[in-house]
Amino acid sequence: MLVNALFRAELGYLVDTFEAAEAGGNRNYSVLVEFAIGRVDASEAMESLGVDSDEDLFLLMARARLPIPRLADNRTDAMVEELVRIHGR
């Protein structure tokens, strides 16, 4: 029960922060969310945000209280294709 309450509180915070950023015309939070869910890769996120190091990008992720990102779908797909090619399936 406590975990559900913590999850709901965190989700509420994320939604409120996202909506506030969007209302203010600030796309930075949106870029960070897109990076966190794998819609853009690190280089695209860094270019959009105007940062030039992975460290700065991950510091922004931490400050935004966003989770560690997963690989972008296109990178995951490419890795799967490479594994299939290597193993000949």
N, C-alpha and C. Protein backbone atom coordinates (compact mmCIF):
# COMPACT_ATOMS: atom_id res chain seq x y z
N MET A 1 0.82 -1.18 0.00
CA MET A 1 0.00 0.00 0.00
C MET A 1 0.88 1.26 0.00
N LEU A 2 1.94 1.25 0.80
CA LEU A 2 2.84 2.39 0.86
C LEU A 2 3.51 2.63 -0.50
N VAL A 3 3.88 1.55 -1.17
CA VAL A 3 4.51 1.68 -2.48
C VAL A 3 3.55 2.33 -3.47
N ASN A 4 2.30 1.93 -3.46
CA ASN A 4 1.31 2.53 -4.35
C ASN A 4 1.15 4.02 -4.07
N ALA A 5 1.12 4.40 -2.81
CA ALA A 5 0.99 5.80 -2.44
C ALA A 5 2.20 6.61 -2.92
N LEU A 6 3.39 6.04 -2.74
CA LEU A 6 4.61 6.72 -3.20
C LEU A 6 4.61 6.85 -4.72
N PHE A 7 4.18 5.79 -5.41
CA PHE A 7 4.13 5.83 -6.86
C PHE A 7 3.15 6.88 -7.34
N ARG A 8 1.96 6.94 -6.73
CA ARG A 8 0.96 7.94 -7.11
C ARG A 8 1.48 9.35 -6.86
N ALA A 9 2.15 9.56 -5.76
CA ALA A 9 2.71 10.87 -5.44
C ALA A 9 3.76 11.27 -6.46
N GLU A 10 4.64 10.34 -6.82
CA GLU A 10 5.69 10.64 -7.81
C GLU A 10 5.09 10.90 -9.19
N LEU A 11 4.12 10.09 -9.57
CA LEU A 11 3.46 10.30 -10.86
C LEU A 11 2.75 11.65 -10.89
N GLY A 12 2.10 12.01 -9.80
CA GLY A 12 1.44 13.32 -9.72
C GLY A 12 2.44 14.45 -9.87
N TYR A 13 3.59 14.31 -9.22
CA TYR A 13 4.64 15.32 -9.34
C TYR A 13 5.11 15.45 -10.79
N LEU A 14 5.33 14.32 -11.45
CA LEU A 14 5.79 14.35 -12.84
C LEU A 14 4.77 15.01 -13.75
N VAL A 15 3.51 14.68 -13.59
CA VAL A 15 2.46 15.27 -14.42
C VAL A 15 2.37 16.77 -14.17
N ASP A 16 2.37 17.18 -12.90
CA ASP A 16 2.29 18.60 -12.57
C ASP A 16 3.48 19.37 -13.14
N THR A 17 4.69 18.81 -13.01
CA THR A 17 5.89 19.46 -13.51
C THR A 17 5.85 19.58 -15.03
N PHE A 18 5.42 18.51 -15.69
CA PHE A 18 5.32 18.50 -17.15
C PHE A 18 4.32 19.56 -17.61
N GLU A 19 3.15 19.59 -16.98
CA GLU A 19 2.12 20.55 -17.39
C GLU A 19 2.56 21.99 -17.14
N ALA A 20 3.23 22.23 -16.04
CA ALA A 20 3.72 23.58 -15.75
C ALA A 20 4.76 24.01 -16.77
N ALA A 21 5.65 23.12 -17.13
CA ALA A 21 6.68 23.44 -18.13
C ALA A 21 6.05 23.71 -19.48
N GLU A 22 5.10 22.88 -19.87
CA GLU A 22 4.43 23.06 -21.16
C GLU A 22 3.65 24.39 -21.18
N ALA A 23 2.96 24.70 -20.09
CA ALA A 23 2.18 25.94 -20.02
C ALA A 23 3.09 27.16 -20.13
N GLY A 24 4.29 27.04 -19.61
CA GLY A 24 5.25 28.14 -19.66
C GLY A 24 6.04 28.19 -20.96
N GLY A 25 5.76 27.29 -21.88
CA GLY A 25 6.46 27.27 -23.15
C GLY A 25 7.85 26.68 -23.09
N ASN A 26 8.18 26.00 -22.00
CA ASN A 26 9.50 25.41 -21.84
C ASN A 26 9.47 23.95 -22.27
N ARG A 27 10.15 23.64 -23.37
CA ARG A 27 10.17 22.27 -23.90
C ARG A 27 11.28 21.42 -23.29
N ASN A 28 12.10 21.99 -22.43
CA ASN A 28 13.21 21.23 -21.86
C ASN A 28 12.73 19.99 -21.13
N TYR A 29 11.69 20.14 -20.32
CA TYR A 29 11.19 18.99 -19.57
C TYR A 29 10.66 17.93 -20.53
N SER A 30 9.99 18.35 -21.60
CA SER A 30 9.49 17.41 -22.59
C SER A 30 10.62 16.63 -23.24
N VAL A 31 11.70 17.32 -23.54
CA VAL A 31 12.87 16.65 -24.13
C VAL A 31 13.42 15.61 -23.16
N LEU A 32 13.50 15.98 -21.88
CA LEU A 32 14.01 15.03 -20.88
C LEU A 32 13.09 13.82 -20.74
N VAL A 33 11.78 14.04 -20.78
CA VAL A 33 10.84 12.92 -20.71
C VAL A 33 11.00 12.03 -21.94
N GLU A 34 11.11 12.63 -23.12
CA GLU A 34 11.29 11.85 -24.35
C GLU A 34 12.58 11.03 -24.29
N PHE A 35 13.62 11.59 -23.70
CA PHE A 35 14.87 10.86 -23.52
C PHE A 35 14.68 9.72 -22.53
N ALA A 36 13.99 9.99 -21.43
CA ALA A 36 13.77 8.97 -20.39
C ALA A 36 13.00 7.77 -20.91
N ILE A 37 12.06 8.00 -21.83
CA ILE A 37 11.25 6.89 -22.33
C ILE A 37 11.79 6.31 -23.64
N GLY A 38 12.90 6.84 -24.11
CA GLY A 38 13.56 6.25 -25.27
C GLY A 38 13.11 6.77 -26.61
N ARG A 39 12.39 7.87 -26.64
CA ARG A 39 11.95 8.43 -27.94
C ARG A 39 13.06 9.18 -28.64
N VAL A 40 14.00 9.73 -27.87
CA VAL A 40 15.18 10.39 -28.46
C VAL A 40 16.41 9.84 -27.77
N ASP A 41 17.52 9.84 -28.48
CA ASP A 41 18.75 9.35 -27.86
C ASP A 41 19.49 10.51 -27.20
N ALA A 42 20.58 10.19 -26.54
CA ALA A 42 21.32 11.18 -25.76
C ALA A 42 21.80 12.34 -26.62
N SER A 43 22.31 12.05 -27.81
CA SER A 43 22.84 13.15 -28.64
C SER A 43 21.72 14.10 -29.07
N GLU A 44 20.55 13.57 -29.39
CA GLU A 44 19.41 14.43 -29.75
C GLU A 44 18.97 15.27 -28.55
N ALA A 45 18.90 14.65 -27.39
CA ALA A 45 18.49 15.37 -26.18
C ALA A 45 19.50 16.47 -25.86
N MET A 46 20.79 16.15 -25.94
CA MET A 46 21.83 17.14 -25.61
C MET A 46 21.77 18.31 -26.58
N GLU A 47 21.55 18.03 -27.85
CA GLU A 47 21.46 19.11 -28.84
C GLU A 47 20.25 20.01 -28.55
N SER A 48 19.10 19.39 -28.26
CA SER A 48 17.89 20.16 -27.97
C SER A 48 18.02 21.01 -26.72
N LEU A 49 18.73 20.48 -25.74
CA LEU A 49 18.87 21.16 -24.45
C LEU A 49 20.07 22.12 -24.41
N GLY A 50 20.95 22.01 -25.40
CA GLY A 50 22.12 22.88 -25.43
C GLY A 50 23.19 22.48 -24.42
N VAL A 51 23.27 21.19 -24.11
CA VAL A 51 24.33 20.71 -23.21
C VAL A 51 25.32 19.90 -24.04
N ASP A 52 26.55 19.84 -23.58
CA ASP A 52 27.56 19.18 -24.40
C ASP A 52 28.27 18.03 -23.70
N SER A 53 27.66 17.50 -22.64
CA SER A 53 28.26 16.33 -22.02
C SER A 53 27.17 15.42 -21.46
N ASP A 54 27.47 14.12 -21.46
CA ASP A 54 26.53 13.16 -20.87
C ASP A 54 26.29 13.47 -19.40
N GLU A 55 27.34 13.91 -18.72
CA GLU A 55 27.22 14.22 -17.30
C GLU A 55 26.18 15.31 -17.07
N ASP A 56 26.23 16.38 -17.87
CA ASP A 56 25.25 17.46 -17.74
C ASP A 56 23.84 16.96 -18.02
N LEU A 57 23.71 16.11 -19.02
CA LEU A 57 22.39 15.56 -19.35
C LEU A 57 21.84 14.75 -18.19
N PHE A 58 22.66 13.89 -17.60
CA PHE A 58 22.19 13.07 -16.49
C PHE A 58 21.95 13.90 -15.23
N LEU A 59 22.69 14.99 -15.04
CA LEU A 59 22.40 15.89 -13.92
C LEU A 59 21.03 16.54 -14.11
N LEU A 60 20.71 16.92 -15.34
CA LEU A 60 19.38 17.48 -15.62
C LEU A 60 18.30 16.44 -15.36
N MET A 61 18.56 15.19 -15.75
CA MET A 61 17.60 14.12 -15.48
C MET A 61 17.37 13.97 -13.98
N ALA A 62 18.43 14.01 -13.21
CA ALA A 62 18.31 13.88 -11.75
C ALA A 62 17.55 15.05 -11.15
N ARG A 63 17.86 16.25 -11.61
CA ARG A 63 17.16 17.44 -11.09
C ARG A 63 15.68 17.42 -11.45
N ALA A 64 15.34 16.86 -12.59
CA ALA A 64 13.94 16.75 -13.01
C ALA A 64 13.24 15.56 -12.35
N ARG A 65 14.02 14.78 -11.58
CA ARG A 65 13.50 13.60 -10.89
C ARG A 65 12.91 12.60 -11.88
N LEU A 66 13.60 12.42 -12.99
CA LEU A 66 13.18 11.46 -14.01
C LEU A 66 14.02 10.20 -13.90
N PRO A 67 13.47 9.07 -14.32
CA PRO A 67 14.21 7.81 -14.23
C PRO A 67 15.35 7.73 -15.23
N ILE A 68 16.25 6.81 -14.96
CA ILE A 68 17.33 6.54 -15.90
C ILE A 68 16.70 6.13 -17.23
N PRO A 69 17.15 6.69 -18.31
CA PRO A 69 16.52 6.40 -19.60
C PRO A 69 16.79 4.99 -20.10
N ARG A 70 15.88 4.54 -20.93
CA ARG A 70 16.09 3.27 -21.63
C ARG A 70 16.59 3.61 -23.02
N LEU A 71 17.10 2.62 -23.70
CA LEU A 71 17.58 2.87 -25.06
C LEU A 71 16.44 3.29 -25.97
N ALA A 72 16.74 4.13 -26.92
CA ALA A 72 15.75 4.51 -27.92
C ALA A 72 15.31 3.28 -28.69
N ASP A 73 14.06 3.26 -29.11
CA ASP A 73 13.51 2.11 -29.82
C ASP A 73 14.34 1.72 -31.03
N ASN A 74 14.80 2.71 -31.79
CA ASN A 74 15.58 2.38 -32.99
C ASN A 74 16.91 1.71 -32.65
N ARG A 75 17.50 2.10 -31.52
CA ARG A 75 18.75 1.44 -31.10
C ARG A 75 18.49 0.03 -30.61
N THR A 76 17.40 -0.15 -29.87
CA THR A 76 17.03 -1.49 -29.40
C THR A 76 16.75 -2.40 -30.59
N ASP A 77 15.98 -1.90 -31.56
CA ASP A 77 15.67 -2.68 -32.76
C ASP A 77 16.95 -3.06 -33.52
N ALA A 78 17.87 -2.12 -33.63
CA ALA A 78 19.13 -2.39 -34.33
C ALA A 78 19.94 -3.46 -33.60
N MET A 79 19.93 -3.43 -32.28
CA MET A 79 20.66 -4.43 -31.50
C MET A 79 20.04 -5.81 -31.68
N VAL A 80 18.70 -5.86 -31.69
CA VAL A 80 18.01 -7.14 -31.90
C VAL A 80 18.33 -7.68 -33.29
N GLU A 81 18.26 -6.84 -34.29
CA GLU A 81 18.59 -7.27 -35.66
C GLU A 81 20.01 -7.80 -35.76
N GLU A 82 20.94 -7.13 -35.09
CA GLU A 82 22.34 -7.57 -35.11
C GLU A 82 22.48 -8.93 -34.42
N LEU A 83 21.81 -9.11 -33.30
CA LEU A 83 21.87 -10.41 -32.62
C LEU A 83 21.26 -11.52 -33.47
N VAL A 84 20.16 -11.22 -34.12
CA VAL A 84 19.53 -12.22 -35.01
C VAL A 84 20.47 -12.54 -36.15
N ARG A 85 21.10 -11.53 -36.72
CA ARG A 85 22.06 -11.75 -37.82
C ARG A 85 23.22 -12.61 -37.37
N ILE A 86 23.75 -12.31 -36.19
CA ILE A 86 24.91 -13.06 -35.67
C ILE A 86 24.54 -14.51 -35.41
N HIS A 87 23.38 -14.74 -34.87
CA HIS A 87 22.97 -16.09 -34.50
C HIS A 87 22.20 -16.80 -35.61
N GLY A 88 21.98 -16.11 -36.73
CA GLY A 88 21.38 -16.73 -37.90
C GLY A 88 19.98 -17.25 -37.75
N ARG A 89 19.18 -16.57 -36.99
CA ARG A 89 17.78 -17.02 -36.80
C ARG A 89 16.85 -16.27 -37.67
